[in-house]
Structure formats: C-alpha cells, structure tokens
Amino acid sequence: MTAYIKKECMELTRTGRLFILGIIFIIFGILNPAMAKLTPWLYEMLQDSLSEQGLQVGKVTVNALTSWTQYYKNALMIIIAFILMNSTGFTGEYQKGSLVLVVTKGLSRRKIFLAKLLVGYGTWTLLFLLYTGITLGYTKYFWGEDEVPNLFFGILFLWLLGMLVMSLLVMFGTMSGNSGQVLLGTGGILFISILLRQIPSISKYMPVKLADGLELSTGAALTSDFSGAVIISSIMIIICVIIGVIVFDKRKL
C-alpha cells in the first residue's frame, strides 16, 4: 500500500496535475488581497466615466475583510479546478488496465481504494493550505492590524467542503467508465445541493452552506448555524467511502 501511495504521488507530479493545480491555487491566493488592494485605484480610474453617466462614487475603503471576501468568492473557482483535474483517478486506471496487474500481484482492492483516497485528501489539504496561507500572508502584510472574526471556522468549513468533493470524486470514480461520468455525478450532487438550498427550511443543512464562512466574519451567522451542514457533509463523506469500497470490490477490472 505504501508503494502504491508513492506511485500515486509520482503520477501527480509526472502528469503535471499537481504543478498545474499548484499554479492555479497560488494565483488565486495572490489575487484575493491584490484585488482588494487595487479596488480603490480601479474606482478612481472609472470615476470620470461614471460621473459622465450621473453616478457618483464615494471614497472606497478596503481592509482585511475585503481580502477575505475575495477569498470566499474565489473558493468556488479553485474547487471547480480541483474537480476537473482529479476526475480521472479510477477511470484512467480502468481504461489502461493497470489495476489488473496490481491486484494479481496481491495488493487488495481496499488498499488501492484507501491509497487513492488518502492521496486525494492529502492533495486537497496541501493545495488548500497553500491557497489560504498566501491569502493570509499578504493580507497580514497589507492590513496587519485588522482582525477578522471567526476566520478559523470559516476556513475549516471550506476545507471540509473540499474533502466532501474529493470523496464524491473517488466514489463516482469507482463506478464510472470515463471522467465525464465522474464530473456529471460530482457536479450533479453539488448542483442539487445548491437547488435545495433555496428552500429555507433545509438550506442550513446543505453542504454548500460550508462555503459561506464570510457570514461568520461579518456577524451575519453564528458558528452553530453551520452545525447541520457539517454533520450532513461528514455523513456524506462516510457514505461515499463505504459505497466506493463496496463498488470497487465488485467492479470488473
């Protein structure tokens, strides 16, 4: 299993997936404070044009919260990029037939499944820490004295959403024949969650609620308001793992 984990890590680097994702996460991590810092300058550049249209723009003030607002807005983009780049985990192996040799050599299917799952979780966590760390570092540099309330929990909830996405990718990967089906299944679950969130009585239980960490910092929500989404997401992660194990055990390689 250790050797298979190393093989998965080598594949991440050799195929360039880790490099590409790293670049994407770094760029968005830098953009968050950069866009906040440039906002007053952008409004100043547009002031003359807006004045001609009868619109008056007052003084624009930016702070650390402005940077973290961009952080949560761009989180959707990095999650989409992560989904697109990690949709071929199992399907690529099926198409190449490489799992047959590994299984015949004695490695159990469950260890293969667990290895892919652990590498996926580790990849998301590493990239997410990179994205968050860059935003945090530049925000501290530009607005060191500004404190953003409940920032830790907002970041933690967003990380959990990414863990759920990775679990969905692995589960659908075990039962799909190509990456398109994996994307359709994972995207479908998230889309349904977004639609169901429009129903007020159950909106707080939807996993996509975890992306609303900004509400904690602005005082629009309490940490307890996310408890339902955290519980549902955790249960979904466990269900994804169980279904993935069962399907992969019975899957014809």
C-alpha atoms as a PDB file:
ATOM      1  CA  MET A   1       0.000   0.000   0.000  1.00  0.00           C
ATOM      2  CA  THR A   2       2.878   2.362   0.810  1.00  0.00           C
ATOM      3  CA  ALA A   3       4.372   1.645  -2.604  1.00  0.00           C
ATOM      4  CA  TYR A   4       1.014   2.374  -4.255  1.00  0.00           C
ATOM      5  CA  ILE A   5       0.722   5.674  -2.401  1.00  0.00           C
ATOM      6  CA  LYS A   6       4.193   6.598  -3.692  1.00  0.00           C
ATOM      7  CA  LYS A   7       3.075   5.600  -7.196  1.00  0.00           C
ATOM      8  CA  GLU A   8       0.024   7.896  -6.910  1.00  0.00           C
ATOM      9  CA  CYS A   9       2.188  10.783  -5.719  1.00  0.00           C
ATOM     10  CA  MET A  10       4.653  10.233  -8.581  1.00  0.00           C
ATOM     11  CA  GLU A  11       1.775  10.201 -11.060  1.00  0.00           C
ATOM     12  CA  LEU A  12       0.550  13.527  -9.698  1.00  0.00           C
ATOM     13  CA  THR A  13       3.909  15.115 -10.434  1.00  0.00           C
ATOM     14  CA  ARG A  14       4.726  13.317 -13.693  1.00  0.00           C
ATOM     15  CA  THR A  15       1.391  14.162 -15.304  1.00  0.00           C
ATOM     16  CA  GLY A  16       1.768  17.782 -14.235  1.00  0.00           C
ATOM     17  CA  ARG A  17      -1.566  17.801 -12.373  1.00  0.00           C
ATOM     18  CA  LEU A  18      -0.009  18.877  -9.085  1.00  0.00           C
ATOM     19  CA  PHE A  19       2.029  21.592 -10.804  1.00  0.00           C
ATOM     20  CA  ILE A  20      -0.972  22.982 -12.695  1.00  0.00           C
ATOM     21  CA  LEU A  21      -3.205  22.920  -9.629  1.00  0.00           C
ATOM     22  CA  GLY A  22      -0.444  24.495  -7.555  1.00  0.00           C
ATOM     23  CA  ILE A  23      -0.149  27.372 -10.035  1.00  0.00           C
ATOM     24  CA  ILE A  24      -3.939  27.880 -10.031  1.00  0.00           C
ATOM     25  CA  PHE A  25      -4.169  27.900  -6.248  1.00  0.00           C
ATOM     26  CA  ILE A  26      -1.174  30.253  -5.942  1.00  0.00           C
ATOM     27  CA  ILE A  27      -2.601  32.692  -8.495  1.00  0.00           C
ATOM     28  CA  PHE A  28      -5.979  32.862  -6.773  1.00  0.00           C
ATOM     29  CA  GLY A  29      -4.276  33.108  -3.385  1.00  0.00           C
ATOM     30  CA  ILE A  30      -2.408  36.194  -4.594  1.00  0.00           C
ATOM     31  CA  LEU A  31      -5.442  37.654  -6.385  1.00  0.00           C
ATOM     32  CA  ASN A  32      -7.538  37.795  -3.207  1.00  0.00           C
ATOM     33  CA  PRO A  33      -5.542  40.535  -1.418  1.00  0.00           C
ATOM     34  CA  ALA A  34      -4.370  42.056  -4.716  1.00  0.00           C
ATOM     35  CA  MET A  35      -7.910  42.708  -5.922  1.00  0.00           C
ATOM     36  CA  ALA A  36      -8.833  44.153  -2.539  1.00  0.00           C
ATOM     37  CA  LYS A  37      -5.778  46.428  -2.570  1.00  0.00           C
ATOM     38  CA  LEU A  38      -6.456  47.606  -6.132  1.00  0.00           C
ATOM     39  CA  THR A  39     -10.176  48.255  -5.630  1.00  0.00           C
ATOM     40  CA  PRO A  40      -9.823  51.973  -4.673  1.00  0.00           C
ATOM     41  CA  TRP A  41      -7.495  52.533  -7.653  1.00  0.00           C
ATOM     42  CA  LEU A  42      -9.958  50.828 -10.027  1.00  0.00           C
ATOM     43  CA  TYR A  43     -12.829  53.001  -8.793  1.00  0.00           C
ATOM     44  CA  GLU A  44     -10.647  56.075  -9.180  1.00  0.00           C
ATOM     45  CA  MET A  45      -9.861  55.092 -12.777  1.00  0.00           C
ATOM     46  CA  LEU A  46     -13.569  54.673 -13.521  1.00  0.00           C
ATOM     47  CA  GLN A  47     -14.668  57.802 -11.655  1.00  0.00           C
ATOM     48  CA  ASP A  48     -14.681  60.109 -14.692  1.00  0.00           C
ATOM     49  CA  SER A  49     -16.614  57.607 -16.800  1.00  0.00           C
ATOM     50  CA  LEU A  50     -19.168  57.066 -14.045  1.00  0.00           C
ATOM     51  CA  SER A  51     -19.541  60.806 -13.460  1.00  0.00           C
ATOM     52  CA  GLU A  52     -20.466  61.306 -17.113  1.00  0.00           C
ATOM     53  CA  GLN A  53     -23.307  58.839 -16.569  1.00  0.00           C
ATOM     54  CA  GLY A  54     -24.515  60.698 -13.492  1.00  0.00           C
ATOM     55  CA  LEU A  55     -23.098  58.246 -10.978  1.00  0.00           C
ATOM     56  CA  GLN A  56     -21.136  59.482  -8.007  1.00  0.00           C
ATOM     57  CA  VAL A  57     -18.678  57.183  -6.256  1.00  0.00           C
ATOM     58  CA  GLY A  58     -17.735  57.977  -2.698  1.00  0.00           C
ATOM     59  CA  LYS A  59     -14.465  57.142  -1.017  1.00  0.00           C
ATOM     60  CA  VAL A  60     -13.795  53.410  -1.163  1.00  0.00           C
ATOM     61  CA  THR A  61     -12.263  51.877   1.964  1.00  0.00           C
ATOM     62  CA  VAL A  62     -10.696  48.422   1.898  1.00  0.00           C
ATOM     63  CA  ASN A  63      -9.440  46.306   4.775  1.00  0.00           C
ATOM     64  CA  ALA A  64      -8.590  42.723   5.688  1.00  0.00           C
ATOM     65  CA  LEU A  65     -12.242  41.698   5.436  1.00  0.00           C
ATOM     66  CA  THR A  66     -12.270  42.854   1.789  1.00  0.00           C
ATOM     67  CA  SER A  67      -9.434  40.450   1.060  1.00  0.00           C
ATOM     68  CA  TRP A  68     -11.202  37.539   2.757  1.00  0.00           C
ATOM     69  CA  THR A  69     -14.373  38.390   0.881  1.00  0.00           C
ATOM     70  CA  GLN A  70     -12.434  37.734  -2.320  1.00  0.00           C
ATOM     71  CA  TYR A  71     -11.071  34.551  -0.726  1.00  0.00           C
ATOM     72  CA  TYR A  72     -14.531  33.056  -0.313  1.00  0.00           C
ATOM     73  CA  LYS A  73     -15.699  34.267  -3.735  1.00  0.00           C
ATOM     74  CA  ASN A  74     -12.754  32.626  -5.484  1.00  0.00           C
ATOM     75  CA  ALA A  75     -13.123  29.414  -3.482  1.00  0.00           C
ATOM     76  CA  LEU A  76     -15.698  28.170  -5.991  1.00  0.00           C
ATOM     77  CA  MET A  77     -13.173  28.584  -8.810  1.00  0.00           C
ATOM     78  CA  ILE A  78     -10.468  26.550  -7.110  1.00  0.00           C
ATOM     79  CA  ILE A  79     -12.953  23.797  -6.227  1.00  0.00           C
ATOM     80  CA  ILE A  80     -14.060  23.613  -9.875  1.00  0.00           C
ATOM     81  CA  ALA A  81     -10.415  23.441 -10.977  1.00  0.00           C
ATOM     82  CA  PHE A  82      -9.773  20.691  -8.431  1.00  0.00           C
ATOM     83  CA  ILE A  83     -12.749  18.671  -9.686  1.00  0.00           C
ATOM     84  CA  LEU A  84     -11.696  18.988 -13.328  1.00  0.00           C
ATOM     85  CA  MET A  85      -8.115  17.933 -12.637  1.00  0.00           C
ATOM     86  CA  ASN A  86      -8.996  14.964 -10.403  1.00  0.00           C
ATOM     87  CA  SER A  87     -11.816  13.322 -12.331  1.00  0.00           C
ATOM     88  CA  THR A  88      -9.652  10.598 -13.879  1.00  0.00           C
ATOM     89  CA  GLY A  89      -8.364   8.875 -10.734  1.00  0.00           C
ATOM     90  CA  PHE A  90     -10.036   5.486 -11.200  1.00  0.00           C
ATOM     91  CA  THR A  91     -11.346   5.819 -14.757  1.00  0.00           C
ATOM     92  CA  GLY A  92      -7.860   6.327 -16.146  1.00  0.00           C
ATOM     93  CA  GLU A  93      -6.726   3.126 -14.418  1.00  0.00           C
ATOM     94  CA  TYR A  94      -9.717   1.216 -15.817  1.00  0.00           C
ATOM     95  CA  GLN A  95      -9.008   2.366 -19.354  1.00  0.00           C
ATOM     96  CA  LYS A  96      -5.300   1.474 -19.153  1.00  0.00           C
ATOM     97  CA  GLY A  97      -5.971  -1.830 -17.372  1.00  0.00           C
ATOM     98  CA  SER A  98      -3.155  -1.097 -14.916  1.00  0.00           C
ATOM     99  CA  LEU A  99      -5.120  -2.222 -11.868  1.00  0.00           C
ATOM    100  CA  VAL A 100      -5.275  -5.825 -13.081  1.00  0.00           C
ATOM    101  CA  LEU A 101      -1.523  -6.298 -12.647  1.00  0.00           C
ATOM    102  CA  VAL A 102      -1.509  -4.686  -9.206  1.00  0.00           C
ATOM    103  CA  VAL A 103      -4.366  -6.867  -7.940  1.00  0.00           C
ATOM    104  CA  THR A 104      -2.861 -10.073  -9.350  1.00  0.00           C
ATOM    105  CA  LYS A 105       0.378  -9.209  -7.544  1.00  0.00           C
ATOM    106  CA  GLY A 106      -1.514  -9.427  -4.254  1.00  0.00           C
ATOM    107  CA  LEU A 107      -2.468  -5.871  -3.326  1.00  0.00           C
ATOM    108  CA  SER A 108      -6.052  -5.862  -2.049  1.00  0.00           C
ATOM    109  CA  ARG A 109      -8.628  -3.678  -3.700  1.00  0.00           C
ATOM    110  CA  ARG A 110      -9.437  -1.956  -0.435  1.00  0.00           C
ATOM    111  CA  LYS A 111      -5.832  -0.874  -0.020  1.00  0.00           C
ATOM    112  CA  ILE A 112      -5.846   0.507  -3.558  1.00  0.00           C
ATOM    113  CA  PHE A 113      -9.040   2.407  -2.794  1.00  0.00           C
ATOM    114  CA  LEU A 114      -7.680   3.714   0.504  1.00  0.00           C
ATOM    115  CA  ALA A 115      -4.400   4.772  -1.112  1.00  0.00           C
ATOM    116  CA  LYS A 116      -6.181   6.809  -3.783  1.00  0.00           C
ATOM    117  CA  LEU A 117      -8.480   8.332  -1.164  1.00  0.00           C
ATOM    118  CA  LEU A 118      -5.600   9.325   1.144  1.00  0.00           C
ATOM    119  CA  VAL A 119      -3.595  10.843  -1.709  1.00  0.00           C
ATOM    120  CA  GLY A 120      -6.692  12.773  -2.816  1.00  0.00           C
ATOM    121  CA  TYR A 121      -7.336  14.083   0.687  1.00  0.00           C
ATOM    122  CA  GLY A 122      -3.668  14.990   1.093  1.00  0.00           C
ATOM    123  CA  THR A 123      -3.560  16.789  -2.255  1.00  0.00           C
ATOM    124  CA  TRP A 124      -6.629  18.876  -1.451  1.00  0.00           C
ATOM    125  CA  THR A 125      -5.333  19.722   2.036  1.00  0.00           C
ATOM    126  CA  LEU A 126      -1.892  20.720   0.744  1.00  0.00           C
ATOM    127  CA  LEU A 127      -3.285  22.921  -2.030  1.00  0.00           C
ATOM    128  CA  PHE A 128      -5.909  24.431   0.252  1.00  0.00           C
ATOM    129  CA  LEU A 129      -3.266  25.344   2.838  1.00  0.00           C
ATOM    130  CA  LEU A 130      -1.229  26.932   0.036  1.00  0.00           C
ATOM    131  CA  TYR A 131      -4.223  28.985  -1.142  1.00  0.00           C
ATOM    132  CA  THR A 132      -5.136  30.022   2.406  1.00  0.00           C
ATOM    133  CA  GLY A 133      -1.568  30.670   3.520  1.00  0.00           C
ATOM    134  CA  ILE A 134      -0.813  33.026   0.620  1.00  0.00           C
ATOM    135  CA  THR A 135      -4.003  34.988   1.208  1.00  0.00           C
ATOM    136  CA  LEU A 136      -3.294  35.151   4.945  1.00  0.00           C
ATOM    137  CA  GLY A 137       0.306  36.248   4.453  1.00  0.00           C
ATOM    138  CA  TYR A 138      -0.427  39.077   2.020  1.00  0.00           C
ATOM    139  CA  THR A 139      -3.481  40.199   3.997  1.00  0.00           C
ATOM    140  CA  LYS A 140      -1.369  40.439   7.143  1.00  0.00           C
ATOM    141  CA  TYR A 141       1.257  42.358   5.190  1.00  0.00           C
ATOM    142  CA  PHE A 142      -1.199  44.938   3.822  1.00  0.00           C
ATOM    143  CA  TRP A 143      -3.600  45.179   6.789  1.00  0.00           C
ATOM    144  CA  GLY A 144      -1.661  43.761   9.720  1.00  0.00           C
ATOM    145  CA  GLU A 145      -3.706  45.489  12.429  1.00  0.00           C
ATOM    146  CA  ASP A 146      -7.112  44.419  11.090  1.00  0.00           C
ATOM    147  CA  GLU A 147      -8.652  41.405  12.788  1.00  0.00           C
ATOM    148  CA  VAL A 148     -11.251  39.260  11.023  1.00  0.00           C
ATOM    149  CA  PRO A 149     -13.616  37.491  13.494  1.00  0.00           C
ATOM    150  CA  ASN A 150     -14.191  33.722  13.335  1.00  0.00           C
ATOM    151  CA  LEU A 151     -11.778  33.322  10.441  1.00  0.00           C
ATOM    152  CA  PHE A 152     -10.569  29.898  11.603  1.00  0.00           C
ATOM    153  CA  PHE A 153     -14.002  28.283  11.480  1.00  0.00           C
ATOM    154  CA  GLY A 154     -14.819  29.801   8.094  1.00  0.00           C
ATOM    155  CA  ILE A 155     -11.610  28.321   6.664  1.00  0.00           C
ATOM    156  CA  LEU A 156     -12.222  24.973   8.382  1.00  0.00           C
ATOM    157  CA  PHE A 157     -15.739  24.672   6.941  1.00  0.00           C
ATOM    158  CA  LEU A 158     -14.460  25.446   3.440  1.00  0.00           C
ATOM    159  CA  TRP A 159     -11.775  22.742   3.809  1.00  0.00           C
ATOM    160  CA  LEU A 160     -14.460  20.241   4.825  1.00  0.00           C
ATOM    161  CA  LEU A 161     -16.423  21.062   1.666  1.00  0.00           C
ATOM    162  CA  GLY A 162     -13.326  20.224  -0.375  1.00  0.00           C
ATOM    163  CA  MET A 163     -12.972  16.919   1.469  1.00  0.00           C
ATOM    164  CA  LEU A 164     -16.559  16.087   0.528  1.00  0.00           C
ATOM    165  CA  VAL A 165     -15.839  16.945  -3.106  1.00  0.00           C
ATOM    166  CA  MET A 166     -12.822  14.615  -3.080  1.00  0.00           C
ATOM    167  CA  SER A 167     -14.944  11.843  -1.555  1.00  0.00           C
ATOM    168  CA  LEU A 168     -17.540  12.275  -4.301  1.00  0.00           C
ATOM    169  CA  LEU A 169     -14.842  12.144  -6.978  1.00  0.00           C
ATOM    170  CA  VAL A 170     -13.465   8.876  -5.606  1.00  0.00           C
ATOM    171  CA  MET A 171     -16.902   7.298  -5.166  1.00  0.00           C
ATOM    172  CA  PHE A 172     -18.093   8.156  -8.674  1.00  0.00           C
ATOM    173  CA  GLY A 173     -14.672   7.167  -9.998  1.00  0.00           C
ATOM    174  CA  THR A 174     -15.160   3.586  -8.807  1.00  0.00           C
ATOM    175  CA  MET A 175     -18.477   3.208 -10.636  1.00  0.00           C
ATOM    176  CA  SER A 176     -17.873   5.253 -13.805  1.00  0.00           C
ATOM    177  CA  GLY A 177     -16.360   4.338 -17.145  1.00  0.00           C
ATOM    178  CA  ASN A 178     -14.948   7.757 -18.021  1.00  0.00           C
ATOM    179  CA  SER A 179     -14.151  11.119 -16.470  1.00  0.00           C
ATOM    180  CA  GLY A 180     -17.280  12.715 -17.954  1.00  0.00           C
ATOM    181  CA  GLN A 181     -19.476  10.488 -15.808  1.00  0.00           C
ATOM    182  CA  VAL A 182     -17.418  11.383 -12.734  1.00  0.00           C
ATOM    183  CA  LEU A 183     -17.834  15.090 -13.473  1.00  0.00           C
ATOM    184  CA  LEU A 184     -21.543  14.631 -14.085  1.00  0.00           C
ATOM    185  CA  GLY A 185     -22.060  12.745 -10.829  1.00  0.00           C
ATOM    186  CA  THR A 186     -19.979  15.070  -8.641  1.00  0.00           C
ATOM    187  CA  GLY A 187     -21.317  18.227 -10.271  1.00  0.00           C
ATOM    188  CA  GLY A 188     -24.855  16.863 -10.093  1.00  0.00           C
ATOM    189  CA  ILE A 189     -24.683  16.326  -6.336  1.00  0.00           C
ATOM    190  CA  LEU A 190     -23.344  19.844  -5.781  1.00  0.00           C
ATOM    191  CA  PHE A 191     -25.929  21.343  -8.139  1.00  0.00           C
ATOM    192  CA  ILE A 192     -28.763  19.562  -6.328  1.00  0.00           C
ATOM    193  CA  SER A 193     -27.371  20.851  -3.051  1.00  0.00           C
ATOM    194  CA  ILE A 194     -27.427  24.406  -4.441  1.00  0.00           C
ATOM    195  CA  LEU A 195     -31.029  23.999  -5.618  1.00  0.00           C
ATOM    196  CA  LEU A 196     -32.228  22.530  -2.313  1.00  0.00           C
ATOM    197  CA  ARG A 197     -30.576  25.398  -0.503  1.00  0.00           C
ATOM    198  CA  GLN A 198     -33.222  27.690  -1.941  1.00  0.00           C
ATOM    199  CA  ILE A 199     -35.713  26.002   0.405  1.00  0.00           C
ATOM    200  CA  PRO A 200     -35.413  27.992   3.665  1.00  0.00           C
ATOM    201  CA  SER A 201     -36.364  25.115   5.976  1.00  0.00           C
ATOM    202  CA  ILE A 202     -33.460  22.906   4.831  1.00  0.00           C
ATOM    203  CA  SER A 203     -30.942  25.415   3.491  1.00  0.00           C
ATOM    204  CA  LYS A 204     -28.769  25.272   6.605  1.00  0.00           C
ATOM    205  CA  TYR A 205     -28.265  21.529   6.156  1.00  0.00           C
ATOM    206  CA  MET A 206     -26.906  21.699   2.608  1.00  0.00           C
ATOM    207  CA  PRO A 207     -23.150  21.070   2.177  1.00  0.00           C
ATOM    208  CA  VAL A 208     -22.700  24.206   0.040  1.00  0.00           C
ATOM    209  CA  LYS A 209     -23.529  26.163   3.201  1.00  0.00           C
ATOM    210  CA  LEU A 210     -19.918  25.437   4.198  1.00  0.00           C
ATOM    211  CA  ALA A 211     -18.735  27.945   1.591  1.00  0.00           C
ATOM    212  CA  ASP A 212     -20.452  30.803   3.449  1.00  0.00           C
ATOM    213  CA  GLY A 213     -17.726  31.340   6.013  1.00  0.00           C
ATOM    214  CA  LEU A 214     -17.781  35.076   5.280  1.00  0.00           C
ATOM    215  CA  GLU A 215     -21.080  35.272   7.172  1.00  0.00           C
ATOM    216  CA  LEU A 216     -19.199  34.323  10.346  1.00  0.00           C
ATOM    217  CA  SER A 217     -16.765  37.211   9.917  1.00  0.00           C
ATOM    218  CA  THR A 218     -19.469  39.772   9.147  1.00  0.00           C
ATOM    219  CA  GLY A 219     -21.644  38.660  12.062  1.00  0.00           C
ATOM    220  CA  ALA A 220     -24.473  37.515   9.773  1.00  0.00           C
ATOM    221  CA  ALA A 221     -24.240  33.975  11.150  1.00  0.00           C
ATOM    222  CA  LEU A 222     -23.007  32.063  14.172  1.00  0.00           C
ATOM    223  CA  THR A 223     -20.761  29.013  14.211  1.00  0.00           C
ATOM    224  CA  SER A 224     -23.708  26.937  15.423  1.00  0.00           C
ATOM    225  CA  ASP A 225     -25.603  27.826  12.236  1.00  0.00           C
ATOM    226  CA  PHE A 226     -23.186  25.588  10.326  1.00  0.00           C
ATOM    227  CA  SER A 227     -23.566  22.543  12.578  1.00  0.00           C
ATOM    228  CA  GLY A 228     -26.250  20.977  10.366  1.00  0.00           C
ATOM    229  CA  ALA A 229     -24.145  21.340   7.211  1.00  0.00           C
ATOM    230  CA  VAL A 230     -21.076  19.963   8.998  1.00  0.00           C
ATOM    231  CA  ILE A 231     -22.974  16.881  10.210  1.00  0.00           C
ATOM    232  CA  ILE A 232     -24.601  16.199   6.818  1.00  0.00           C
ATOM    233  CA  SER A 233     -21.302  16.670   4.972  1.00  0.00           C
ATOM    234  CA  SER A 234     -19.480  14.347   7.384  1.00  0.00           C
ATOM    235  CA  ILE A 235     -22.160  11.685   6.954  1.00  0.00           C
ATOM    236  CA  MET A 236     -21.960  12.063   3.173  1.00  0.00           C
ATOM    237  CA  ILE A 237     -18.179  11.589   3.285  1.00  0.00           C
ATOM    238  CA  ILE A 238     -18.595   8.351   5.235  1.00  0.00           C
ATOM    239  CA  ILE A 239     -21.318   7.142   2.843  1.00  0.00           C
ATOM    240  CA  CYS A 240     -19.134   7.946  -0.172  1.00  0.00           C
ATOM    241  CA  VAL A 241     -16.266   5.916   1.271  1.00  0.00           C
ATOM    242  CA  ILE A 242     -18.497   2.935   2.100  1.00  0.00           C
ATOM    243  CA  ILE A 243     -20.189   2.926  -1.323  1.00  0.00           C
ATOM    244  CA  GLY A 244     -16.834   3.348  -3.046  1.00  0.00           C
ATOM    245  CA  VAL A 245     -15.338   0.361  -1.220  1.00  0.00           C
ATOM    246  CA  ILE A 246     -18.348  -1.866  -1.992  1.00  0.00           C
ATOM    247  CA  VAL A 247     -18.474  -0.901  -5.680  1.00  0.00           C
ATOM    248  CA  PHE A 248     -14.722  -1.229  -6.210  1.00  0.00           C
ATOM    249  CA  ASP A 249     -14.674  -4.658  -4.519  1.00  0.00           C
ATOM    250  CA  LYS A 250     -17.219  -5.939  -7.061  1.00  0.00           C
ATOM    251  CA  ARG A 251     -16.016  -3.981 -10.095  1.00  0.00           C
ATOM    252  CA  LYS A 252     -14.628  -5.936 -13.031  1.00  0.00           C
ATOM    253  CA  LEU A 253     -11.158  -4.643 -13.792  1.00  0.00           C
END
